[in-house]
């Protein structure tokens, strides 16, 4: 922001706080800076506290009427006009605004979530901040029941998975990512071990790994474009028709809908394991 804009925003902030206290303890107003926080707040039954949401928010339906406050670039004047007690973020998506938020007297809270087991703590802390700690406790119990890792008799019992999040350039979820954690809990084995969270990959890497399953999680009309990539017809996943196009939002956003994503992955892997077991039985009978 330009200096003149900052001064204007600070003046607006002081005016609003004088008219109506910025921190309303009895009914704290929250602005969600990212879609994952919006989804979590409404899932926890705390949607009434939400005063504003990101331009990227598209779920749940009851959140969509809330005022929009920008996306990666925020409308600070709009935020101040909503008189929030709390601004919530995930994985430092808006870290560049932290100093300005502090200067404006805004309570900015960021949650770091890179593994599934960090979700309950975020829900519990967020619920406490809004004076409803029981909501977070309920969520933590629900999450623990649903995310118990699927057992495998040995490493060979875990189908190998390639999870692509973009095609130009080809970018995939590494084993150290949030999605990588989901694959592990679903009973799969990510072909991209010891990489960045979301590395750019080439066809040779995928061809060498020869995955059992290919997951595509970005807007795509069918899976034919994957099958038509040079050399990919030789992959096990292509031969066995194990290419699955899934909803990116369920996987990319750390939030309650991850449980649906996890169940989708488990279903794919469970079916594949069952098919492999049947093939092994038939071989034994011969």
C-alpha atoms as a PDB file:
ATOM      1  CA  UNK A   1       0.000   0.000   0.000  1.00  0.00           C
ATOM      2  CA  UNK A   2       1.119   3.575  -0.691  1.00  0.00           C
ATOM      3  CA  UNK A   3       1.924   5.799   2.365  1.00  0.00           C
ATOM      4  CA  UNK A   4      -1.123   7.980   1.705  1.00  0.00           C
ATOM      5  CA  UNK A   5      -3.350   4.912   1.587  1.00  0.00           C
ATOM      6  CA  UNK A   6      -1.877   3.604   4.835  1.00  0.00           C
ATOM      7  CA  UNK A   7      -2.530   6.920   6.612  1.00  0.00           C
ATOM      8  CA  UNK A   8      -6.094   6.970   5.272  1.00  0.00           C
ATOM      9  CA  UNK A   9      -6.656   3.410   6.464  1.00  0.00           C
ATOM     10  CA  UNK A  10      -5.231   4.141   9.932  1.00  0.00           C
ATOM     11  CA  UNK A  11      -7.462   7.211  10.251  1.00  0.00           C
ATOM     12  CA  UNK A  12     -10.458   5.083   9.266  1.00  0.00           C
ATOM     13  CA  UNK A  13      -9.450   2.454  11.808  1.00  0.00           C
ATOM     14  CA  UNK A  14      -9.230   4.975  14.630  1.00  0.00           C
ATOM     15  CA  UNK A  15     -12.589   6.439  13.677  1.00  0.00           C
ATOM     16  CA  UNK A  16     -14.317   3.068  13.614  1.00  0.00           C
ATOM     17  CA  UNK A  17     -12.809   1.956  16.896  1.00  0.00           C
ATOM     18  CA  UNK A  18     -13.918   5.188  18.531  1.00  0.00           C
ATOM     19  CA  UNK A  19     -17.476   4.688  17.312  1.00  0.00           C
ATOM     20  CA  UNK A  20     -17.637   0.975  18.142  1.00  0.00           C
ATOM     21  CA  UNK A  21     -14.996  -1.061  19.998  1.00  0.00           C
ATOM     22  CA  UNK A  22     -12.920  -3.262  17.689  1.00  0.00           C
ATOM     23  CA  UNK A  23     -12.872  -6.113  20.180  1.00  0.00           C
ATOM     24  CA  UNK A  24     -16.414  -7.136  21.066  1.00  0.00           C
ATOM     25  CA  UNK A  25     -15.915  -9.856  23.650  1.00  0.00           C
ATOM     26  CA  UNK A  26     -19.564 -10.888  23.818  1.00  0.00           C
ATOM     27  CA  UNK A  27     -19.932 -11.491  20.079  1.00  0.00           C
ATOM     28  CA  UNK A  28     -16.495 -11.478  18.396  1.00  0.00           C
ATOM     29  CA  UNK A  29     -16.607 -10.760  14.676  1.00  0.00           C
ATOM     30  CA  UNK A  30     -14.216 -12.811  12.547  1.00  0.00           C
ATOM     31  CA  UNK A  31     -12.864 -12.258   9.073  1.00  0.00           C
ATOM     32  CA  UNK A  32     -11.682 -15.392   7.314  1.00  0.00           C
ATOM     33  CA  UNK A  33      -8.778 -14.612   5.003  1.00  0.00           C
ATOM     34  CA  UNK A  34      -8.764 -18.052   3.352  1.00  0.00           C
ATOM     35  CA  UNK A  35     -11.403 -20.578   2.218  1.00  0.00           C
ATOM     36  CA  UNK A  36     -10.193 -23.303   4.589  1.00  0.00           C
ATOM     37  CA  UNK A  37     -10.907 -21.144   7.639  1.00  0.00           C
ATOM     38  CA  UNK A  38     -14.351 -20.235   6.339  1.00  0.00           C
ATOM     39  CA  UNK A  39     -15.205 -23.906   5.902  1.00  0.00           C
ATOM     40  CA  UNK A  40     -13.904 -24.756   9.368  1.00  0.00           C
ATOM     41  CA  UNK A  41     -15.786 -21.935  11.107  1.00  0.00           C
ATOM     42  CA  UNK A  42     -19.102 -22.958   9.584  1.00  0.00           C
ATOM     43  CA  UNK A  43     -18.438 -26.654  10.209  1.00  0.00           C
ATOM     44  CA  UNK A  44     -17.840 -25.846  13.886  1.00  0.00           C
ATOM     45  CA  UNK A  45     -21.180 -24.044  14.060  1.00  0.00           C
ATOM     46  CA  UNK A  46     -19.436 -20.670  14.413  1.00  0.00           C
ATOM     47  CA  UNK A  47     -20.670 -19.169  11.150  1.00  0.00           C
ATOM     48  CA  UNK A  48     -22.627 -16.448  12.953  1.00  0.00           C
ATOM     49  CA  UNK A  49     -19.297 -14.908  13.980  1.00  0.00           C
ATOM     50  CA  UNK A  50     -18.066 -14.606  10.377  1.00  0.00           C
ATOM     51  CA  UNK A  51     -18.230 -10.979   9.240  1.00  0.00           C
ATOM     52  CA  UNK A  52     -16.239 -11.280   6.019  1.00  0.00           C
ATOM     53  CA  UNK A  53     -14.658 -13.869   3.744  1.00  0.00           C
ATOM     54  CA  UNK A  54     -12.031 -14.238   1.015  1.00  0.00           C
ATOM     55  CA  UNK A  55     -12.923 -13.752  -2.639  1.00  0.00           C
ATOM     56  CA  UNK A  56     -11.851 -17.384  -3.139  1.00  0.00           C
ATOM     57  CA  UNK A  57     -14.468 -18.776  -0.753  1.00  0.00           C
ATOM     58  CA  UNK A  58     -17.069 -20.947  -2.474  1.00  0.00           C
ATOM     59  CA  UNK A  59     -18.253 -23.250   0.333  1.00  0.00           C
ATOM     60  CA  UNK A  60     -20.483 -23.699   2.276  1.00  0.00           C
ATOM     61  CA  UNK A  61     -23.512 -22.075   0.630  1.00  0.00           C
ATOM     62  CA  UNK A  62     -24.522 -20.188   3.784  1.00  0.00           C
ATOM     63  CA  UNK A  63     -21.162 -18.365   3.786  1.00  0.00           C
ATOM     64  CA  UNK A  64     -21.466 -16.920   0.307  1.00  0.00           C
ATOM     65  CA  UNK A  65     -23.597 -13.916   1.273  1.00  0.00           C
ATOM     66  CA  UNK A  66     -20.863 -12.570   3.566  1.00  0.00           C
ATOM     67  CA  UNK A  67     -18.940  -9.453   2.421  1.00  0.00           C
ATOM     68  CA  UNK A  68     -15.796 -10.173   0.382  1.00  0.00           C
ATOM     69  CA  UNK A  69     -12.492  -8.677   1.527  1.00  0.00           C
ATOM     70  CA  UNK A  70     -10.132  -9.613  -1.323  1.00  0.00           C
ATOM     71  CA  UNK A  71      -7.972 -12.644  -1.984  1.00  0.00           C
ATOM     72  CA  UNK A  72      -4.166 -12.591  -1.900  1.00  0.00           C
ATOM     73  CA  UNK A  73      -4.453  -8.808  -2.130  1.00  0.00           C
ATOM     74  CA  UNK A  74      -6.720  -7.575   0.648  1.00  0.00           C
ATOM     75  CA  UNK A  75      -9.097  -4.627   0.775  1.00  0.00           C
ATOM     76  CA  UNK A  76      -7.956  -3.135   4.070  1.00  0.00           C
ATOM     77  CA  UNK A  77     -10.589  -0.404   4.147  1.00  0.00           C
ATOM     78  CA  UNK A  78     -13.337  -2.998   3.676  1.00  0.00           C
ATOM     79  CA  UNK A  79     -11.828  -5.094   6.478  1.00  0.00           C
ATOM     80  CA  UNK A  80     -11.743  -2.135   8.846  1.00  0.00           C
ATOM     81  CA  UNK A  81     -15.320  -1.178   8.002  1.00  0.00           C
ATOM     82  CA  UNK A  82     -16.449  -4.630   9.173  1.00  0.00           C
ATOM     83  CA  UNK A  83     -14.941  -4.003  12.646  1.00  0.00           C
ATOM     84  CA  UNK A  84     -13.461  -7.478  13.182  1.00  0.00           C
ATOM     85  CA  UNK A  85     -12.184  -8.747  16.502  1.00  0.00           C
ATOM     86  CA  UNK A  86     -10.142 -11.426  14.767  1.00  0.00           C
ATOM     87  CA  UNK A  87      -8.585 -12.153  11.378  1.00  0.00           C
ATOM     88  CA  UNK A  88      -7.732 -15.815  10.762  1.00  0.00           C
ATOM     89  CA  UNK A  89      -5.245 -17.178   8.244  1.00  0.00           C
ATOM     90  CA  UNK A  90      -3.557 -20.485   7.369  1.00  0.00           C
ATOM     91  CA  UNK A  91       0.080 -21.174   6.510  1.00  0.00           C
ATOM     92  CA  UNK A  92       1.019 -17.476   6.372  1.00  0.00           C
ATOM     93  CA  UNK A  93      -0.929 -16.784   3.187  1.00  0.00           C
ATOM     94  CA  UNK A  94      -1.161 -13.100   4.207  1.00  0.00           C
ATOM     95  CA  UNK A  95       2.036 -12.731   6.223  1.00  0.00           C
ATOM     96  CA  UNK A  96       2.982  -9.595   4.265  1.00  0.00           C
ATOM     97  CA  UNK A  97       0.091  -7.775   5.983  1.00  0.00           C
ATOM     98  CA  UNK A  98       1.067  -8.796   9.534  1.00  0.00           C
ATOM     99  CA  UNK A  99       2.855  -5.525  10.368  1.00  0.00           C
ATOM    100  CA  UNK A 100       0.025  -3.403   8.973  1.00  0.00           C
ATOM    101  CA  UNK A 101      -2.534  -5.419  10.909  1.00  0.00           C
ATOM    102  CA  UNK A 102      -0.542  -4.784  14.074  1.00  0.00           C
ATOM    103  CA  UNK A 103      -0.343  -1.053  13.361  1.00  0.00           C
ATOM    104  CA  UNK A 104      -4.106  -0.976  12.862  1.00  0.00           C
ATOM    105  CA  UNK A 105      -4.737  -2.821  16.115  1.00  0.00           C
ATOM    106  CA  UNK A 106      -6.146  -5.874  14.351  1.00  0.00           C
ATOM    107  CA  UNK A 107      -5.795  -9.288  15.980  1.00  0.00           C
ATOM    108  CA  UNK A 108      -4.258 -11.423  13.220  1.00  0.00           C
ATOM    109  CA  UNK A 109      -3.916 -15.139  13.969  1.00  0.00           C
ATOM    110  CA  UNK A 110      -2.170 -17.561  11.630  1.00  0.00           C
ATOM    111  CA  UNK A 111      -2.360 -21.351  11.952  1.00  0.00           C
ATOM    112  CA  UNK A 112       0.295 -23.607  10.451  1.00  0.00           C
ATOM    113  CA  UNK A 113      -1.193 -26.848   9.144  1.00  0.00           C
ATOM    114  CA  UNK A 114       1.088 -29.150   7.155  1.00  0.00           C
ATOM    115  CA  UNK A 115      -0.135 -32.502   8.532  1.00  0.00           C
ATOM    116  CA  UNK A 116      -3.580 -33.880   9.209  1.00  0.00           C
ATOM    117  CA  UNK A 117      -2.909 -34.313  12.928  1.00  0.00           C
ATOM    118  CA  UNK A 118      -2.527 -30.517  13.245  1.00  0.00           C
ATOM    119  CA  UNK A 119      -6.141 -29.861  12.254  1.00  0.00           C
ATOM    120  CA  UNK A 120      -7.741 -30.650  15.655  1.00  0.00           C
ATOM    121  CA  UNK A 121      -5.444 -28.217  17.454  1.00  0.00           C
ATOM    122  CA  UNK A 122      -6.374 -25.444  15.009  1.00  0.00           C
ATOM    123  CA  UNK A 123     -10.071 -26.149  15.549  1.00  0.00           C
ATOM    124  CA  UNK A 124      -9.649 -26.191  19.331  1.00  0.00           C
ATOM    125  CA  UNK A 125      -7.680 -22.923  19.425  1.00  0.00           C
ATOM    126  CA  UNK A 126     -10.088 -21.189  17.052  1.00  0.00           C
ATOM    127  CA  UNK A 127     -13.060 -22.306  19.134  1.00  0.00           C
ATOM    128  CA  UNK A 128     -11.414 -21.028  22.309  1.00  0.00           C
ATOM    129  CA  UNK A 129     -10.749 -17.642  20.716  1.00  0.00           C
ATOM    130  CA  UNK A 130     -14.476 -17.372  20.001  1.00  0.00           C
ATOM    131  CA  UNK A 131     -15.501 -18.516  23.462  1.00  0.00           C
ATOM    132  CA  UNK A 132     -16.857 -21.904  22.349  1.00  0.00           C
ATOM    133  CA  UNK A 133     -14.130 -24.426  23.329  1.00  0.00           C
ATOM    134  CA  UNK A 134     -16.571 -27.353  23.307  1.00  0.00           C
ATOM    135  CA  UNK A 135     -16.916 -27.001  19.520  1.00  0.00           C
ATOM    136  CA  UNK A 136     -13.218 -27.679  19.023  1.00  0.00           C
ATOM    137  CA  UNK A 137     -13.241 -30.656  21.389  1.00  0.00           C
ATOM    138  CA  UNK A 138     -16.113 -32.256  19.466  1.00  0.00           C
ATOM    139  CA  UNK A 139     -14.273 -31.706  16.188  1.00  0.00           C
ATOM    140  CA  UNK A 140     -11.035 -33.197  17.561  1.00  0.00           C
ATOM    141  CA  UNK A 141     -12.845 -36.396  18.554  1.00  0.00           C
ATOM    142  CA  UNK A 142     -14.552 -36.624  15.165  1.00  0.00           C
ATOM    143  CA  UNK A 143     -11.216 -36.064  13.385  1.00  0.00           C
ATOM    144  CA  UNK A 144      -9.336 -38.651  15.450  1.00  0.00           C
ATOM    145  CA  UNK A 145     -11.926 -41.336  14.684  1.00  0.00           C
ATOM    146  CA  UNK A 146     -11.861 -40.632  10.950  1.00  0.00           C
ATOM    147  CA  UNK A 147      -8.125 -40.259  10.359  1.00  0.00           C
ATOM    148  CA  UNK A 148      -6.710 -43.403  11.933  1.00  0.00           C
ATOM    149  CA  UNK A 149      -4.115 -44.651   9.462  1.00  0.00           C
ATOM    150  CA  UNK A 150      -5.123 -47.670   7.409  1.00  0.00           C
ATOM    151  CA  UNK A 151      -3.006 -50.723   8.326  1.00  0.00           C
ATOM    152  CA  UNK A 152      -0.948 -52.537   5.709  1.00  0.00           C
ATOM    153  CA  UNK A 153       0.618 -55.949   6.176  1.00  0.00           C
ATOM    154  CA  UNK A 154       3.852 -54.748   4.559  1.00  0.00           C
ATOM    155  CA  UNK A 155       5.208 -52.009   2.303  1.00  0.00           C
ATOM    156  CA  UNK A 156       4.294 -54.022  -0.799  1.00  0.00           C
ATOM    157  CA  UNK A 157       0.650 -53.893   0.267  1.00  0.00           C
ATOM    158  CA  UNK A 158       0.590 -50.121  -0.219  1.00  0.00           C
ATOM    159  CA  UNK A 159      -0.334 -49.149  -3.811  1.00  0.00           C
ATOM    160  CA  UNK A 160       1.920 -46.436  -5.230  1.00  0.00           C
ATOM    161  CA  UNK A 161       0.233 -43.111  -5.935  1.00  0.00           C
ATOM    162  CA  UNK A 162       1.045 -40.149  -8.161  1.00  0.00           C
ATOM    163  CA  UNK A 163      -1.032 -37.099  -7.181  1.00  0.00           C
ATOM    164  CA  UNK A 164      -0.929 -34.295  -9.760  1.00  0.00           C
ATOM    165  CA  UNK A 165      -2.199 -30.845  -8.781  1.00  0.00           C
ATOM    166  CA  UNK A 166      -1.381 -29.010 -12.036  1.00  0.00           C
ATOM    167  CA  UNK A 167      -0.408 -29.875 -15.595  1.00  0.00           C
ATOM    168  CA  UNK A 168       1.503 -26.882 -17.019  1.00  0.00           C
ATOM    169  CA  UNK A 169       4.079 -27.282 -15.664  1.00  0.00           C
ATOM    170  CA  UNK A 170       3.432 -30.708 -14.179  1.00  0.00           C
ATOM    171  CA  UNK A 171       3.267 -30.222 -10.422  1.00  0.00           C
ATOM    172  CA  UNK A 172       2.510 -32.911  -7.876  1.00  0.00           C
ATOM    173  CA  UNK A 173       2.062 -33.475  -4.150  1.00  0.00           C
ATOM    174  CA  UNK A 174       5.226 -34.718  -2.481  1.00  0.00           C
ATOM    175  CA  UNK A 175       5.305 -37.146   0.421  1.00  0.00           C
ATOM    176  CA  UNK A 176       6.107 -34.292   2.835  1.00  0.00           C
ATOM    177  CA  UNK A 177       2.974 -32.337   1.912  1.00  0.00           C
ATOM    178  CA  UNK A 178      -0.434 -32.286   3.551  1.00  0.00           C
ATOM    179  CA  UNK A 179      -1.755 -34.377   0.658  1.00  0.00           C
ATOM    180  CA  UNK A 180       1.172 -36.762   1.073  1.00  0.00           C
ATOM    181  CA  UNK A 181       0.060 -37.292   4.654  1.00  0.00           C
ATOM    182  CA  UNK A 182      -3.456 -38.043   3.423  1.00  0.00           C
ATOM    183  CA  UNK A 183      -2.149 -40.617   0.941  1.00  0.00           C
ATOM    184  CA  UNK A 184      -0.238 -42.334   3.745  1.00  0.00           C
ATOM    185  CA  UNK A 185      -3.293 -42.402   6.030  1.00  0.00           C
ATOM    186  CA  UNK A 186      -5.384 -43.798   3.188  1.00  0.00           C
ATOM    187  CA  UNK A 187      -3.001 -46.733   2.851  1.00  0.00           C
ATOM    188  CA  UNK A 188      -1.057 -45.599  -0.205  1.00  0.00           C
ATOM    189  CA  UNK A 189       2.601 -44.871  -0.906  1.00  0.00           C
ATOM    190  CA  UNK A 190       3.541 -41.594  -2.610  1.00  0.00           C
ATOM    191  CA  UNK A 191       6.023 -42.025  -5.476  1.00  0.00           C
ATOM    192  CA  UNK A 192       7.571 -38.634  -4.634  1.00  0.00           C
ATOM    193  CA  UNK A 193       9.543 -39.202  -1.440  1.00  0.00           C
ATOM    194  CA  UNK A 194      12.155 -36.746  -0.126  1.00  0.00           C
ATOM    195  CA  UNK A 195      10.962 -33.856  -2.298  1.00  0.00           C
ATOM    196  CA  UNK A 196       9.542 -30.389  -1.781  1.00  0.00           C
ATOM    197  CA  UNK A 197       5.897 -30.214  -0.732  1.00  0.00           C
ATOM    198  CA  UNK A 198       4.704 -29.580  -4.281  1.00  0.00           C
ATOM    199  CA  UNK A 199       7.581 -30.194  -6.706  1.00  0.00           C
ATOM    200  CA  UNK A 200       7.532 -29.599 -10.437  1.00  0.00           C
ATOM    201  CA  UNK A 201       8.065 -33.011 -12.035  1.00  0.00           C
ATOM    202  CA  UNK A 202       8.733 -34.410 -15.486  1.00  0.00           C
ATOM    203  CA  UNK A 203       7.312 -37.406 -17.314  1.00  0.00           C
ATOM    204  CA  UNK A 204      10.477 -39.429 -16.797  1.00  0.00           C
ATOM    205  CA  UNK A 205       9.998 -39.337 -13.020  1.00  0.00           C
ATOM    206  CA  UNK A 206       6.483 -40.729 -13.320  1.00  0.00           C
ATOM    207  CA  UNK A 207       7.438 -43.292 -15.953  1.00  0.00           C
ATOM    208  CA  UNK A 208      10.324 -44.566 -13.805  1.00  0.00           C
ATOM    209  CA  UNK A 209       8.073 -44.879 -10.735  1.00  0.00           C
ATOM    210  CA  UNK A 210       5.248 -46.574 -12.705  1.00  0.00           C
ATOM    211  CA  UNK A 211       2.500 -45.795 -10.149  1.00  0.00           C
ATOM    212  CA  UNK A 212      -0.492 -48.027  -9.456  1.00  0.00           C
ATOM    213  CA  UNK A 213      -2.804 -45.014  -9.173  1.00  0.00           C
ATOM    214  CA  UNK A 214      -2.834 -41.545 -10.730  1.00  0.00           C
ATOM    215  CA  UNK A 215      -4.904 -38.834  -9.047  1.00  0.00           C
ATOM    216  CA  UNK A 216      -5.680 -35.627 -10.918  1.00  0.00           C
ATOM    217  CA  UNK A 217      -6.921 -32.777  -8.722  1.00  0.00           C
ATOM    218  CA  UNK A 218      -7.453 -29.754 -10.941  1.00  0.00           C
ATOM    219  CA  UNK A 219     -10.079 -28.713 -13.529  1.00  0.00           C
ATOM    220  CA  UNK A 220      -9.887 -31.287 -16.291  1.00  0.00           C
ATOM    221  CA  UNK A 221     -12.400 -32.661 -18.780  1.00  0.00           C
ATOM    222  CA  UNK A 222     -11.946 -36.381 -18.289  1.00  0.00           C
ATOM    223  CA  UNK A 223      -8.708 -38.306 -18.032  1.00  0.00           C
ATOM    224  CA  UNK A 224      -7.959 -38.799 -21.721  1.00  0.00           C
ATOM    225  CA  UNK A 225      -5.264 -36.093 -21.769  1.00  0.00           C
ATOM    226  CA  UNK A 226      -3.309 -38.076 -19.166  1.00  0.00           C
ATOM    227  CA  UNK A 227      -3.576 -41.280 -21.173  1.00  0.00           C
ATOM    228  CA  UNK A 228      -2.348 -39.493 -24.297  1.00  0.00           C
ATOM    229  CA  UNK A 229       0.903 -38.217 -22.806  1.00  0.00           C
ATOM    230  CA  UNK A 230       3.895 -39.743 -24.621  1.00  0.00           C
ATOM    231  CA  UNK A 231       4.898 -43.050 -23.022  1.00  0.00           C
ATOM    232  CA  UNK A 232       2.187 -42.978 -20.346  1.00  0.00           C
ATOM    233  CA  UNK A 233       0.227 -45.760 -22.044  1.00  0.00           C
ATOM    234  CA  UNK A 234       2.774 -48.182 -20.558  1.00  0.00           C
ATOM    235  CA  UNK A 235       2.016 -47.147 -16.960  1.00  0.00           C
ATOM    236  CA  UNK A 236       0.212 -49.624 -14.702  1.00  0.00           C
ATOM    237  CA  UNK A 237      -2.288 -46.961 -13.679  1.00  0.00           C
ATOM    238  CA  UNK A 238      -3.208 -46.266 -17.309  1.00  0.00           C
ATOM    239  CA  UNK A 239      -3.377 -49.930 -18.303  1.00  0.00           C
ATOM    240  CA  UNK A 240      -5.587 -50.758 -15.322  1.00  0.00           C
ATOM    241  CA  UNK A 241      -7.755 -47.634 -15.710  1.00  0.00           C
ATOM    242  CA  UNK A 242      -6.655 -46.267 -12.345  1.00  0.00           C
ATOM    243  CA  UNK A 243      -6.739 -42.562 -13.238  1.00  0.00           C
ATOM    244  CA  UNK A 244      -9.093 -40.613 -10.980  1.00  0.00           C
ATOM    245  CA  UNK A 245     -10.109 -36.955 -11.311  1.00  0.00           C
ATOM    246  CA  UNK A 246     -11.050 -35.577  -7.878  1.00  0.00           C
ATOM    247  CA  UNK A 247     -12.133 -32.209  -6.466  1.00  0.00           C
ATOM    248  CA  UNK A 248      -9.033 -30.128  -5.750  1.00  0.00           C
ATOM    249  CA  UNK A 249     -10.716 -28.093  -3.011  1.00  0.00           C
ATOM    250  CA  UNK A 250     -11.231 -31.202  -0.878  1.00  0.00           C
ATOM    251  CA  UNK A 251      -7.487 -31.887  -0.827  1.00  0.00           C
ATOM    252  CA  UNK A 252      -5.718 -28.527  -1.092  1.00  0.00           C
ATOM    253  CA  UNK A 253      -7.641 -26.752   1.681  1.00  0.00           C
ATOM    254  CA  UNK A 254      -6.802 -27.976   5.201  1.00  0.00           C
ATOM    255  CA  UNK A 255     -10.280 -28.228   6.642  1.00  0.00           C
ATOM    256  CA  UNK A 256     -13.224 -30.441   7.559  1.00  0.00           C
ATOM    257  CA  UNK A 257     -13.864 -31.622   3.995  1.00  0.00           C
ATOM    258  CA  UNK A 258     -10.485 -33.370   4.070  1.00  0.00           C
ATOM    259  CA  UNK A 259     -12.348 -36.246   5.714  1.00  0.00           C
ATOM    260  CA  UNK A 260     -14.384 -36.676   2.523  1.00  0.00           C
ATOM    261  CA  UNK A 261     -11.178 -36.523   0.491  1.00  0.00           C
ATOM    262  CA  UNK A 262      -9.560 -39.116   2.731  1.00  0.00           C
ATOM    263  CA  UNK A 263     -12.521 -41.453   2.307  1.00  0.00           C
ATOM    264  CA  UNK A 264     -12.320 -41.051  -1.478  1.00  0.00           C
ATOM    265  CA  UNK A 265      -8.647 -42.016  -1.425  1.00  0.00           C
ATOM    266  CA  UNK A 266      -9.334 -44.951   0.869  1.00  0.00           C
ATOM    267  CA  UNK A 267     -12.065 -46.164  -1.472  1.00  0.00           C
ATOM    268  CA  UNK A 268      -9.730 -46.089  -4.473  1.00  0.00           C
ATOM    269  CA  UNK A 269      -6.917 -47.852  -2.615  1.00  0.00           C
ATOM    270  CA  UNK A 270      -9.234 -50.380  -0.978  1.00  0.00           C
ATOM    271  CA  UNK A 271     -10.699 -51.342  -4.357  1.00  0.00           C
ATOM    272  CA  UNK A 272      -7.251 -51.660  -5.877  1.00  0.00           C
ATOM    273  CA  UNK A 273      -6.030 -53.846  -3.005  1.00  0.00           C
ATOM    274  CA  UNK A 274      -9.089 -56.054  -3.350  1.00  0.00           C
ATOM    275  CA  UNK A 275      -8.434 -56.426  -7.077  1.00  0.00           C
ATOM    276  CA  UNK A 276      -4.803 -57.362  -6.424  1.00  0.00           C
ATOM    277  CA  UNK A 277      -5.877 -59.913  -3.807  1.00  0.00           C
ATOM    278  CA  UNK A 278      -8.261 -61.513  -6.299  1.00  0.00           C
ATOM    279  CA  UNK A 279      -5.532 -61.727  -8.930  1.00  0.00           C
ATOM    280  CA  UNK A 280      -3.194 -63.362  -6.419  1.00  0.00           C
ATOM    281  CA  UNK A 281      -5.864 -65.917  -5.469  1.00  0.00           C
ATOM    282  CA  UNK A 282      -6.430 -66.803  -9.118  1.00  0.00           C
ATOM    283  CA  UNK A 283      -2.699 -67.282  -9.637  1.00  0.00           C
ATOM    284  CA  UNK A 284      -2.549 -69.576  -6.605  1.00  0.00           C
ATOM    285  CA  UNK A 285      -5.395 -71.734  -7.964  1.00  0.00           C
ATOM    286  CA  UNK A 286      -3.566 -72.389 -11.244  1.00  0.00           C
END
